[in-house]
Amino acid sequence: MSTLVIRPEWLFDGSTIEDTNGDAERAVRWLRRNRHPKNPAPGHPFHLDEWQERIIRAIFGPRNPDGTRKIKKVVIQLGRGSRKTALAAAIVLLCTFGPEKIPGGLIQSAAFARKQARELFEEVALIVSQDRRYKGTARVREYKSQISNLKTRTRYEAVSSEGLGQHGSTPSVVVADELHAWTTEKHRELWRVLSSALDKTNNSLMVVLTTAGRGQETLAYKEVSAAKRIQTGEIVDPHVLPVIFEASADVDWKDEAVWHKLLPGLASGYPSLQALRERKIKAEYSVIEREILQQLYLGVWQNQSASPFVDMVTYDRCGAVPVDYAKIGKSKPCFLGVDLSEISDLTSVVAAWPTEDGGYIVKPWFFCPADALAKKSRAEGVNYQEWVKVGLITPTPGKAVNYEFVEDVIRHICAEFDVRQIAFDPWRAKQTQQSLMADSLPVVDFRQGFISMSPACDEVERAIIEGKFYHGGNAILRWNFDNVAVVRDAAGNRKFDKGNSRDKIDGAVAALMAVRFAAIYQDNRSRYNDPDAEGIMTF
């Protein structure tokens, strides 16, 4: 189980946590003197379990020689019901009214929507409004989602992407709540504004709270992935505190021992063990319930698509096999699939070579108008400019895709490899097809209906499941496959679809076409070489 579950063991092993100047002890003692109306215990004490207190100590204990905190960023991935809001409220209280307050300082919590942003605000407001010791010190402005310390002029406010007016503010602490739901360009802009604002002060703190999400081209996935590498010791960054509870996709989600590993509050009654057991029963027969249990409680990151074509963990294993495209040359028959985009969209060309083990080597080329890269990055929430920098996208001149540029690349591919067929979806491609056919290149149609797409889906799925879809780990091709949603007709035939208008599947569609013709070639060659095959005449 240890290889399938990642968690911060230091929270539970009793190891010493640095407390340079005693700030961690002061913080914990101050919190314990607070009251929380939601706690039914006598006196309503503000209670944090030991593992939560250790997080507080790890944030506020280690100090630089000048007294500033060593920890600049905290990334916490925890399952639903683990009282992340209470932990965030503790941090906000410490920095607004407690020993970590800065006179005139600004603490901001941010969420993907106004309603979500209000949740943490309501938690803090409830505490300060029900505790008599805050009378005369705390001022709660409900309509502004703001709480002020009247003595020090320190203030806390909740913001969201729906009210992007944060340019120019200088927060000392930012709490980014439920980062897995920050999926639009507005959310990314909010993140850029808040994270860059923290650079204005020396003693700033960013706290990221999230559950597992969907897809790998999201802000949350990138933040959690970087933190996870620190937690596992792969990289060293003393300024980041990772608290990642995560399971791999093949973990036994029905095992209650796994639940207890990943949900540190479960033994104390949060979330409800009985409720999880009831959810497990539903998950046995409902894929949706299973994904909820895995993602939101056990920290299993899901495919980008809600109705995925393949398991992306299985897909990724195919990329572990190194591919030397330079050695292929004309030694193997090559088949191309071409998906021409709309005017300013992503265009893809994918080559497929059949292999001796019944699989396929695939290589993609991606194109995008140079003048549309920034706009597409903002609209789709992925970094096209970064993909250009690392050579995964070739920018074409202008604001619209330059089909002549793509044609020249296809001609170059045909000169380098033994291209037998070039498959196009004929919609939007007639002029390009005619131009290539004028050069006697082997252009063929591949219509995108269920009848033609379904056997292609079957063949690509088989190759991926058997670990024989050798894609070389191309990040954009992976993103495209992760975006694929599968739809079926009344007869059960399948084809690819986009689950969201922003999600791109062009490379996956082009790969499907290329592999389909490579499979037909393999099948015909096998039948021709089989002396027992019927219906084949040789001359």
Protein backbone atom coordinates (compact mmCIF):
# COMPACT_ATOMS: atom_id res chain seq x y z
CA MET A 1 0.00 0.00 0.00
CA SER A 2 2.90 2.37 0.68
CA THR A 3 3.75 2.60 -3.02
CA LEU A 4 0.16 3.55 -3.86
CA VAL A 5 -0.34 6.19 -1.16
CA ILE A 6 1.59 9.44 -0.68
CA ARG A 7 1.23 11.35 2.56
CA PRO A 8 3.41 13.54 4.83
CA GLU A 9 4.58 11.07 7.45
CA TRP A 10 6.14 13.83 9.56
CA LEU A 11 2.62 14.79 10.64
CA PHE A 12 2.32 11.52 12.55
CA ASP A 13 5.81 10.39 13.56
CA GLY A 14 6.34 12.76 16.49
CA SER A 15 9.52 14.17 14.97
CA THR A 16 10.82 17.53 16.14
CA ILE A 17 9.60 20.58 14.24
CA GLU A 18 11.93 23.57 14.22
CA ASP A 19 10.72 26.43 16.39
CA THR A 20 13.55 28.93 16.09
CA ASN A 21 12.23 31.65 18.38
CA GLY A 22 9.24 29.95 19.99
CA ASP A 23 6.78 31.45 17.48
CA ALA A 24 5.13 28.08 16.76
CA GLU A 25 4.42 27.45 20.44
CA ARG A 26 3.00 30.97 20.82
CA ALA A 27 0.77 30.46 17.78
CA VAL A 28 -0.63 27.15 19.05
CA ARG A 29 -1.25 28.47 22.56
CA TRP A 30 -2.98 31.55 21.20
CA LEU A 31 -5.27 29.43 19.01
CA ARG A 32 -6.20 27.20 21.94
CA ARG A 33 -7.49 30.24 23.83
CA ASN A 34 -10.01 30.95 21.07
CA ARG A 35 -13.59 29.69 20.96
CA HIS A 36 -15.38 28.01 18.07
CA PRO A 37 -19.19 27.97 18.23
CA LYS A 38 -19.37 24.83 16.08
CA ASN A 39 -17.50 22.80 18.70
CA PRO A 40 -20.15 21.22 20.97
CA ALA A 41 -17.64 20.55 23.76
CA PRO A 42 -18.08 22.56 26.99
CA GLY A 43 -16.71 26.06 26.52
CA HIS A 44 -16.61 25.62 22.73
CA PRO A 45 -12.78 25.54 22.51
CA PHE A 46 -11.10 26.12 19.17
CA HIS A 47 -9.72 22.62 18.70
CA LEU A 48 -7.13 21.40 16.25
CA ASP A 49 -6.04 17.77 16.19
CA GLU A 50 -2.35 17.06 16.65
CA TRP A 51 -1.68 16.65 12.92
CA GLN A 52 -3.30 20.04 12.28
CA GLU A 53 -1.30 21.69 15.05
CA ARG A 54 1.88 20.25 13.52
CA ILE A 55 1.03 22.01 10.25
CA ILE A 56 0.66 25.29 12.16
CA ARG A 57 3.99 24.67 13.90
CA ALA A 58 5.74 23.84 10.62
CA ILE A 59 4.48 27.07 9.03
CA PHE A 60 5.24 29.51 11.83
CA GLY A 61 8.15 27.87 13.67
CA PRO A 62 11.15 27.95 11.29
CA ARG A 63 12.61 31.48 11.08
CA ASN A 64 15.36 33.32 9.25
CA PRO A 65 17.98 35.25 11.27
CA ASP A 66 15.96 38.45 10.75
CA GLY A 67 12.87 36.81 12.26
CA THR A 68 10.93 36.41 9.01
CA ARG A 69 9.34 33.06 8.26
CA LYS A 70 11.28 30.51 6.24
CA ILE A 71 8.08 29.06 4.81
CA LYS A 72 6.71 31.18 1.95
CA LYS A 73 4.25 28.74 0.44
CA VAL A 74 2.13 25.92 1.86
CA VAL A 75 0.44 23.47 -0.52
CA ILE A 76 -2.19 21.29 1.14
CA GLN A 77 -4.06 18.60 -0.77
CA LEU A 78 -6.60 16.89 1.48
CA GLY A 79 -9.81 14.98 0.97
CA ARG A 80 -13.23 16.50 1.44
CA GLY A 81 -14.43 16.73 5.02
CA SER A 82 -10.91 17.02 6.47
CA ARG A 83 -11.63 20.46 7.93
CA LYS A 84 -9.39 22.43 5.61
CA THR A 85 -11.60 25.47 6.25
CA ALA A 86 -11.00 25.29 10.01
CA LEU A 87 -7.24 25.07 9.39
CA ALA A 88 -7.40 28.05 7.03
CA ALA A 89 -9.44 29.98 9.61
CA ALA A 90 -6.73 29.34 12.18
CA ILE A 91 -4.11 30.82 9.84
CA VAL A 92 -6.29 33.85 9.08
CA LEU A 93 -6.95 34.49 12.78
CA LEU A 94 -3.28 34.18 13.64
CA CYS A 95 -2.34 36.71 10.97
CA THR A 96 -5.21 39.14 11.63
CA PHE A 97 -5.52 39.11 15.42
CA GLY A 98 -2.88 36.73 16.74
CA PRO A 99 0.89 36.83 17.23
CA GLU A 100 1.49 36.75 13.46
CA LYS A 101 -0.42 39.96 12.74
CA ILE A 102 1.31 42.82 10.96
CA PRO A 103 0.02 46.33 11.71
CA GLY A 104 -1.74 47.60 8.61
CA GLY A 105 -1.33 44.21 6.97
CA LEU A 106 -3.73 42.64 4.49
CA ILE A 107 -4.78 38.99 4.51
CA GLN A 108 -6.76 37.77 1.52
CA SER A 109 -8.52 34.51 0.87
CA ALA A 110 -9.51 33.75 -2.71
CA ALA A 111 -11.77 31.20 -4.33
CA PHE A 112 -13.08 30.35 -7.77
CA ALA A 113 -16.52 31.86 -7.08
CA ARG A 114 -18.03 34.39 -4.68
CA LYS A 115 -20.07 31.75 -2.84
CA GLN A 116 -17.00 29.60 -2.23
CA ALA A 117 -14.99 32.63 -1.12
CA ARG A 118 -17.62 33.38 1.50
CA GLU A 119 -17.23 29.99 3.20
CA LEU A 120 -13.91 30.78 4.85
CA PHE A 121 -15.05 34.34 5.57
CA GLU A 122 -18.18 33.03 7.33
CA GLU A 123 -16.06 30.66 9.42
CA VAL A 124 -13.78 33.46 10.63
CA ALA A 125 -16.68 35.87 11.11
CA LEU A 126 -18.56 33.31 13.22
CA ILE A 127 -15.58 32.88 15.53
CA VAL A 128 -14.87 36.57 16.10
CA SER A 129 -18.54 37.54 16.45
CA GLN A 130 -19.27 34.86 19.07
CA ASP A 131 -16.16 35.38 21.21
CA ARG A 132 -16.53 38.30 23.64
CA ARG A 133 -12.79 38.92 23.67
CA TYR A 134 -13.00 40.27 20.10
CA LYS A 135 -15.58 42.87 21.11
CA GLY A 136 -14.14 46.30 20.48
CA THR A 137 -11.29 44.82 18.47
CA ALA A 138 -12.95 43.11 15.50
CA ARG A 139 -15.18 44.81 12.97
CA VAL A 140 -17.08 42.56 10.55
CA ARG A 141 -18.31 44.08 7.30
CA GLU A 142 -20.59 41.45 5.82
CA TYR A 143 -21.33 43.29 2.59
CA LYS A 144 -17.62 43.70 1.86
CA SER A 145 -16.62 40.22 3.10
CA GLN A 146 -14.09 42.01 5.28
CA ILE A 147 -12.98 41.75 8.91
CA SER A 148 -10.75 44.39 10.47
CA ASN A 149 -8.55 44.55 13.56
CA LEU A 150 -9.42 48.02 14.81
CA LYS A 151 -6.35 48.25 17.05
CA THR A 152 -3.71 47.43 14.42
CA ARG A 153 -5.67 48.24 11.23
CA THR A 154 -4.87 44.75 10.01
CA ARG A 155 -7.67 43.48 7.80
CA TYR A 156 -8.83 40.25 6.23
CA GLU A 157 -10.99 40.05 3.12
CA ALA A 158 -12.38 37.33 0.87
CA VAL A 159 -12.19 37.79 -2.91
CA SER A 160 -13.03 35.76 -6.01
CA SER A 161 -12.42 35.79 -9.75
CA GLU A 162 -15.87 37.37 -10.16
CA GLY A 163 -14.52 40.62 -8.70
CA LEU A 164 -11.06 41.02 -10.18
CA GLY A 165 -10.11 44.31 -8.64
CA GLN A 166 -7.04 43.18 -6.74
CA HIS A 167 -4.37 44.91 -8.83
CA GLY A 168 -2.36 47.24 -6.64
CA SER A 169 -3.15 45.53 -3.32
CA THR A 170 -0.26 44.32 -1.18
CA PRO A 171 -1.31 41.29 0.85
CA SER A 172 1.06 39.70 3.32
CA VAL A 173 -0.92 36.43 3.37
CA VAL A 174 -3.01 34.81 0.64
CA VAL A 175 -5.15 31.70 1.07
CA ALA A 176 -6.09 30.14 -2.29
CA ASP A 177 -9.06 27.88 -1.59
CA GLU A 178 -10.10 24.81 -3.61
CA LEU A 179 -7.50 25.42 -6.30
CA HIS A 180 -8.64 22.36 -8.28
CA ALA A 181 -11.70 24.39 -9.32
CA TRP A 182 -9.62 27.31 -10.67
CA THR A 183 -9.94 26.17 -14.30
CA THR A 184 -10.67 29.30 -16.36
CA GLU A 185 -8.48 32.13 -17.56
CA LYS A 186 -10.15 34.43 -15.00
CA HIS A 187 -8.94 32.06 -12.28
CA ARG A 188 -5.42 32.03 -13.71
CA GLU A 189 -5.45 35.82 -13.82
CA LEU A 190 -6.56 35.94 -10.18
CA TRP A 191 -3.70 33.59 -9.31
CA ARG A 192 -1.18 35.74 -11.19
CA VAL A 193 -2.41 38.90 -9.50
CA LEU A 194 -2.33 37.47 -5.98
CA SER A 195 0.92 35.54 -6.27
CA SER A 196 2.76 38.49 -7.84
CA ALA A 197 1.39 40.81 -5.14
CA LEU A 198 3.05 38.65 -2.49
CA ASP A 199 6.42 39.46 -4.03
CA LYS A 200 6.08 43.01 -2.74
CA THR A 201 6.78 42.01 0.88
CA ASN A 202 9.56 40.00 2.54
CA ASN A 203 7.47 38.09 5.06
CA SER A 204 4.64 36.92 2.78
CA LEU A 205 2.82 33.59 2.87
CA MET A 206 0.79 31.75 0.22
CA VAL A 207 -1.46 28.92 1.46
CA VAL A 208 -2.93 26.64 -1.21
CA LEU A 209 -5.84 24.40 -0.25
CA THR A 210 -7.26 21.86 -2.66
CA THR A 211 -8.64 18.41 -3.22
CA ALA A 212 -7.57 16.32 -6.21
CA GLY A 213 -8.96 17.49 -9.55
CA ARG A 214 -9.16 16.55 -13.22
CA GLY A 215 -6.49 16.73 -15.91
CA GLN A 216 -2.81 17.63 -15.89
CA GLU A 217 -2.93 20.98 -17.68
CA THR A 218 -4.54 22.73 -14.72
CA LEU A 219 -3.14 25.24 -12.28
CA ALA A 220 -3.84 22.97 -9.32
CA TYR A 221 -2.17 19.92 -10.86
CA LYS A 222 1.00 21.85 -11.58
CA GLU A 223 1.12 23.32 -8.06
CA VAL A 224 0.43 19.96 -6.41
CA SER A 225 2.90 18.14 -8.66
CA ALA A 226 5.70 20.56 -7.75
CA ALA A 227 4.85 20.25 -4.05
CA LYS A 228 4.74 16.47 -4.29
CA ARG A 229 8.26 16.39 -5.73
CA ILE A 230 9.41 18.38 -2.70
CA GLN A 231 7.54 16.09 -0.31
CA THR A 232 9.10 12.96 -1.83
CA GLY A 233 12.58 14.50 -1.76
CA GLU A 234 12.99 14.64 -5.51
CA ILE A 235 13.73 18.36 -5.28
CA VAL A 236 14.69 20.56 -2.34
CA ASP A 237 12.99 23.86 -1.57
CA PRO A 238 13.13 24.92 2.11
CA HIS A 239 10.61 27.71 1.49
CA VAL A 240 7.75 25.39 0.50
CA LEU A 241 5.80 23.21 2.93
CA PRO A 242 4.04 20.37 1.06
CA VAL A 243 1.17 18.52 2.75
CA ILE A 244 -0.01 16.15 0.04
CA PHE A 245 -2.38 13.24 0.65
CA GLU A 246 -2.69 11.40 -2.65
CA ALA A 247 -3.39 7.91 -3.96
CA SER A 248 -2.56 6.43 -7.34
CA ALA A 249 -5.33 5.42 -9.70
CA ASP A 250 -4.81 1.71 -9.03
CA VAL A 251 -5.14 1.98 -5.26
CA ASP A 252 -7.76 -0.28 -3.65
CA TRP A 253 -10.40 2.37 -3.05
CA LYS A 254 -12.58 -0.13 -1.13
CA ASP A 255 -9.93 -0.72 1.55
CA GLU A 256 -10.76 1.20 4.74
CA ALA A 257 -7.10 1.09 5.76
CA VAL A 258 -6.40 3.23 2.69
CA TRP A 259 -9.12 5.65 3.78
CA HIS A 260 -7.48 6.08 7.18
CA LYS A 261 -4.10 6.68 5.56
CA LEU A 262 -5.45 9.45 3.35
CA LEU A 263 -8.03 11.04 5.64
CA PRO A 264 -6.17 11.89 8.86
CA GLY A 265 -9.32 13.06 10.63
CA LEU A 266 -11.31 9.92 9.93
CA ALA A 267 -10.44 8.33 13.29
CA SER A 268 -11.77 11.46 14.99
CA GLY A 269 -15.05 11.39 13.09
CA TYR A 270 -14.40 13.65 10.11
CA PRO A 271 -15.41 12.90 7.50
CA SER A 272 -18.09 10.42 8.52
CA LEU A 273 -16.90 6.83 8.25
CA GLN A 274 -20.49 5.65 7.93
CA ALA A 275 -21.12 8.07 5.07
CA LEU A 276 -18.01 6.79 3.26
CA ARG A 277 -19.18 3.21 3.70
CA GLU A 278 -22.52 4.14 2.17
CA ARG A 279 -20.74 5.88 -0.69
CA LYS A 280 -18.61 2.78 -1.26
CA ILE A 281 -21.76 0.69 -1.78
CA LYS A 282 -22.93 3.12 -4.47
CA ALA A 283 -19.45 3.21 -5.99
CA GLU A 284 -19.59 -0.55 -6.60
CA TYR A 285 -22.16 -0.01 -9.35
CA SER A 286 -21.86 3.70 -10.21
CA VAL A 287 -18.79 5.02 -12.04
CA ILE A 288 -19.71 8.57 -11.05
CA GLU A 289 -19.86 7.69 -7.35
CA ARG A 290 -16.57 5.81 -7.65
CA GLU A 291 -14.85 8.83 -9.19
CA ILE A 292 -16.24 11.07 -6.42
CA LEU A 293 -14.87 8.73 -3.76
CA GLN A 294 -11.49 8.45 -5.47
CA GLN A 295 -11.02 12.09 -6.40
CA LEU A 296 -12.64 14.09 -3.61
CA TYR A 297 -11.77 11.83 -0.68
CA LEU A 298 -8.77 9.70 -1.63
CA GLY A 299 -6.80 12.24 -3.67
CA VAL A 300 -6.84 10.31 -6.95
CA TRP A 301 -6.45 12.73 -9.85
CA GLN A 302 -8.94 11.93 -12.61
CA ASN A 303 -8.85 12.15 -16.37
CA GLN A 304 -9.71 15.55 -17.79
CA SER A 305 -12.75 14.08 -19.53
CA ALA A 306 -15.72 12.95 -17.48
CA SER A 307 -16.28 10.09 -19.97
CA PRO A 308 -12.68 9.20 -20.83
CA PHE A 309 -11.52 7.08 -23.74
CA VAL A 310 -8.72 5.33 -21.84
CA ASP A 311 -7.18 5.35 -18.39
CA MET A 312 -4.39 7.92 -18.58
CA VAL A 313 -2.17 5.97 -16.20
CA THR A 314 -2.18 3.16 -18.76
CA TYR A 315 -1.58 5.68 -21.54
CA ASP A 316 1.41 7.12 -19.67
CA ARG A 317 3.03 3.71 -19.33
CA CYS A 318 3.29 3.54 -23.13
CA GLY A 319 5.46 6.65 -23.02
CA ALA A 320 8.03 4.93 -20.83
CA VAL A 321 9.41 3.16 -23.91
CA PRO A 322 11.98 5.46 -25.61
CA VAL A 323 11.42 6.15 -29.29
CA ASP A 324 14.22 7.20 -31.66
CA TYR A 325 12.31 8.73 -34.55
CA ALA A 326 15.53 9.67 -36.36
CA LYS A 327 16.36 5.98 -36.90
CA ILE A 328 13.04 5.12 -38.54
CA GLY A 329 13.62 6.82 -41.88
CA LYS A 330 12.13 4.79 -44.71
CA SER A 331 12.61 1.45 -42.94
CA LYS A 332 8.92 1.19 -42.01
CA PRO A 333 5.72 2.10 -43.85
CA CYS A 334 4.29 5.35 -42.47
CA PHE A 335 0.68 6.55 -42.29
CA LEU A 336 -0.40 10.11 -41.59
CA GLY A 337 -3.55 11.48 -40.01
CA VAL A 338 -4.24 15.19 -40.51
CA ASP A 339 -6.74 17.24 -38.53
CA LEU A 340 -6.95 20.74 -39.96
CA SER A 341 -8.25 23.30 -37.53
CA GLU A 342 -10.52 26.24 -37.75
CA ILE A 343 -8.97 29.58 -38.62
CA SER A 344 -7.07 30.24 -35.39
CA ASP A 345 -7.08 26.83 -33.74
CA LEU A 346 -4.69 23.93 -33.20
CA THR A 347 -3.81 21.87 -36.29
CA SER A 348 -2.22 18.46 -35.96
CA VAL A 349 -0.45 15.92 -38.13
CA VAL A 350 0.29 12.51 -36.61
CA ALA A 351 2.40 9.75 -38.13
CA ALA A 352 1.92 6.09 -37.23
CA TRP A 353 4.31 3.23 -37.97
CA PRO A 354 3.20 -0.38 -37.35
CA THR A 355 5.62 -2.36 -35.19
CA GLU A 356 6.56 -6.04 -35.18
CA ASP A 357 4.82 -6.61 -31.83
CA GLY A 358 1.43 -5.53 -33.17
CA GLY A 359 1.68 -1.98 -31.87
CA TYR A 360 2.34 1.46 -33.28
CA ILE A 361 4.94 4.17 -33.01
CA VAL A 362 3.29 7.58 -33.26
CA LYS A 363 4.77 11.04 -33.71
CA PRO A 364 2.73 14.27 -33.69
CA TRP A 365 3.34 17.70 -35.19
CA PHE A 366 1.25 20.60 -33.91
CA PHE A 367 0.68 24.01 -35.47
CA CYS A 368 -0.96 27.20 -34.25
CA PRO A 369 -1.08 30.77 -35.64
CA ALA A 370 1.68 32.80 -34.01
CA ASP A 371 -0.55 35.82 -33.41
CA ALA A 372 -3.22 33.69 -31.69
CA LEU A 373 -1.01 32.00 -29.09
CA ALA A 374 -1.55 34.50 -26.27
CA LYS A 375 -5.31 34.70 -26.85
CA LYS A 376 -5.66 30.91 -26.92
CA SER A 377 -3.65 30.57 -23.71
CA ARG A 378 -6.01 33.00 -21.97
CA ALA A 379 -9.16 31.40 -23.35
CA GLU A 380 -8.22 27.75 -22.83
CA GLY A 381 -6.16 27.90 -19.65
CA VAL A 382 -3.09 26.15 -21.10
CA ASN A 383 0.29 27.65 -21.90
CA TYR A 384 0.68 27.53 -25.67
CA GLN A 385 3.68 29.87 -25.51
CA GLU A 386 5.55 27.43 -23.27
CA TRP A 387 4.81 24.59 -25.70
CA VAL A 388 6.27 26.71 -28.49
CA LYS A 389 9.42 27.35 -26.43
CA VAL A 390 10.05 23.63 -25.91
CA GLY A 391 9.38 22.80 -29.56
CA LEU A 392 6.04 21.01 -29.20
CA ILE A 393 4.13 23.56 -31.31
CA THR A 394 5.28 25.15 -34.56
CA PRO A 395 3.81 28.65 -34.85
CA THR A 396 2.59 29.54 -38.33
CA PRO A 397 2.74 33.14 -39.56
CA GLY A 398 -0.22 35.44 -38.93
CA LYS A 399 -3.50 35.33 -37.06
CA ALA A 400 -4.99 32.38 -38.99
CA VAL A 401 -3.57 28.93 -39.51
CA ASN A 402 -1.40 28.90 -42.60
CA TYR A 403 -2.46 25.77 -44.48
CA GLU A 404 0.32 26.18 -47.06
CA PHE A 405 2.85 26.08 -44.21
CA VAL A 406 1.29 22.82 -42.97
CA GLU A 407 1.32 21.41 -46.52
CA ASP A 408 5.07 22.06 -46.76
CA VAL A 409 5.64 20.20 -43.48
CA ILE A 410 3.62 17.24 -44.79
CA ARG A 411 5.75 17.23 -47.96
CA HIS A 412 8.88 17.22 -45.78
CA ILE A 413 7.51 14.28 -43.76
CA CYS A 414 6.81 12.39 -46.98
CA ALA A 415 10.37 13.01 -48.14
CA GLU A 416 11.82 11.75 -44.85
CA PHE A 417 9.56 8.73 -44.28
CA ASP A 418 7.90 6.03 -46.37
CA VAL A 419 4.43 7.58 -46.27
CA ARG A 420 1.83 5.25 -47.79
CA GLN A 421 -1.37 7.19 -47.01
CA ILE A 422 -2.33 10.65 -45.75
CA ALA A 423 -5.77 10.57 -44.12
CA PHE A 424 -7.87 13.74 -43.94
CA ASP A 425 -11.24 14.56 -42.58
CA PRO A 426 -12.42 16.04 -45.91
CA TRP A 427 -14.39 18.81 -44.19
CA ARG A 428 -12.35 21.98 -44.50
CA ALA A 429 -9.50 20.09 -46.23
CA LYS A 430 -10.39 19.93 -49.93
CA GLN A 431 -7.99 22.62 -51.06
CA THR A 432 -5.12 21.13 -49.05
CA GLN A 433 -5.90 17.65 -50.34
CA GLN A 434 -5.93 18.85 -53.96
CA SER A 435 -2.64 20.68 -53.48
CA LEU A 436 -0.96 17.53 -52.11
CA MET A 437 -2.52 15.28 -54.73
CA ALA A 438 -1.06 17.59 -57.39
CA ASP A 439 2.32 16.41 -56.10
CA SER A 440 1.18 12.77 -56.43
CA LEU A 441 1.03 12.28 -52.66
CA PRO A 442 -1.26 9.47 -51.39
CA VAL A 443 -4.20 11.48 -49.99
CA VAL A 444 -7.30 9.60 -48.73
CA ASP A 445 -10.55 10.62 -47.01
CA PHE A 446 -11.41 9.58 -43.47
CA ARG A 447 -14.87 10.75 -42.50
CA GLN A 448 -15.62 11.30 -38.83
CA GLY A 449 -18.80 9.23 -38.49
CA PHE A 450 -19.42 6.35 -36.12
CA ILE A 451 -18.90 3.63 -38.76
CA SER A 452 -15.38 4.77 -39.66
CA MET A 453 -14.30 5.98 -36.23
CA SER A 454 -15.44 3.01 -34.13
CA PRO A 455 -12.93 0.43 -35.44
CA ALA A 456 -10.21 3.07 -35.16
CA CYS A 457 -11.18 3.61 -31.51
CA ASP A 458 -11.02 -0.14 -30.93
CA GLU A 459 -7.54 -0.45 -32.42
CA VAL A 460 -6.03 2.52 -30.58
CA GLU A 461 -7.61 1.37 -27.31
CA ARG A 462 -6.18 -2.14 -27.78
CA ALA A 463 -2.70 -0.78 -28.45
CA ILE A 464 -2.80 1.46 -25.37
CA ILE A 465 -4.11 -1.27 -23.07
CA GLU A 466 -1.42 -3.67 -24.31
CA GLY A 467 1.28 -1.03 -23.79
CA LYS A 468 2.06 -0.87 -27.51
CA PHE A 469 1.09 2.71 -28.34
CA TYR A 470 4.59 4.21 -28.38
CA HIS A 471 3.95 7.96 -28.20
CA GLY A 472 7.24 9.20 -26.73
CA GLY A 473 5.53 11.13 -23.93
CA ASN A 474 4.45 14.10 -26.05
CA ALA A 475 2.66 16.47 -23.63
CA ILE A 476 0.18 17.96 -26.12
CA LEU A 477 -0.82 14.57 -27.49
CA ARG A 478 -1.40 13.43 -23.92
CA TRP A 479 -3.52 16.52 -23.24
CA ASN A 480 -5.59 15.80 -26.34
CA PHE A 481 -6.22 12.17 -25.34
CA ASP A 482 -7.06 13.28 -21.81
CA ASN A 483 -9.70 15.64 -23.22
CA VAL A 484 -11.42 12.95 -25.29
CA ALA A 485 -15.00 12.09 -24.39
CA VAL A 486 -16.43 8.97 -26.02
CA VAL A 487 -19.93 9.01 -27.48
CA ARG A 488 -21.89 6.05 -28.88
CA ASP A 489 -24.66 5.57 -31.39
CA ALA A 490 -27.66 3.26 -30.94
CA ALA A 491 -25.64 0.30 -32.28
CA GLY A 492 -22.82 0.82 -29.77
CA ASN A 493 -20.32 2.28 -32.23
CA ARG A 494 -17.93 4.82 -30.72
CA LYS A 495 -16.29 8.03 -31.80
CA PHE A 496 -14.32 10.83 -30.19
CA ASP A 497 -15.99 13.97 -28.93
CA LYS A 498 -14.95 17.02 -26.92
CA GLY A 499 -16.42 17.10 -23.44
CA ASN A 500 -15.94 20.89 -23.39
CA SER A 501 -15.71 23.38 -26.22
CA ARG A 502 -12.36 24.63 -24.86
CA ASP A 503 -10.81 21.17 -24.78
CA LYS A 504 -8.74 20.17 -27.81
CA ILE A 505 -8.64 16.63 -29.16
CA ASP A 506 -7.09 17.33 -32.59
CA GLY A 507 -3.97 15.26 -32.01
CA ALA A 508 -5.97 12.31 -30.71
CA VAL A 509 -8.25 12.40 -33.77
CA ALA A 510 -5.27 12.57 -36.13
CA ALA A 511 -3.63 9.66 -34.29
CA LEU A 512 -6.83 7.65 -34.63
CA MET A 513 -6.87 8.14 -38.40
CA ALA A 514 -3.19 7.30 -38.80
CA VAL A 515 -3.42 4.15 -36.69
CA ARG A 516 -6.55 2.98 -38.50
CA PHE A 517 -4.78 2.95 -41.88
CA ALA A 518 -1.65 1.44 -40.34
CA ALA A 519 -3.85 -1.34 -38.91
CA ILE A 520 -5.49 -1.97 -42.29
CA TYR A 521 -2.04 -2.24 -43.84
CA GLN A 522 -0.92 -4.69 -41.15
CA ASP A 523 -4.08 -6.75 -41.51
CA ASN A 524 -3.80 -6.96 -45.29
CA ARG A 525 -0.13 -7.88 -45.11
CA SER A 526 -0.84 -10.59 -42.53
CA ARG A 527 -3.65 -12.06 -44.60
CA TYR A 528 -1.55 -11.95 -47.76
CA ASN A 529 1.32 -13.80 -46.06
CA ASP A 530 -1.00 -16.42 -44.50
CA PRO A 531 -1.13 -19.45 -46.86
CA ASP A 532 -4.35 -20.65 -45.18
CA ALA A 533 -6.19 -17.35 -45.66
CA GLU A 534 -9.22 -17.59 -47.92
CA GLY A 535 -10.17 -15.18 -50.64
CA ILE A 536 -6.65 -13.98 -51.46
CA MET A 537 -5.40 -14.61 -54.96
CA THR A 538 -1.71 -14.44 -55.76
CA PHE A 539 -0.17 -14.08 -59.15
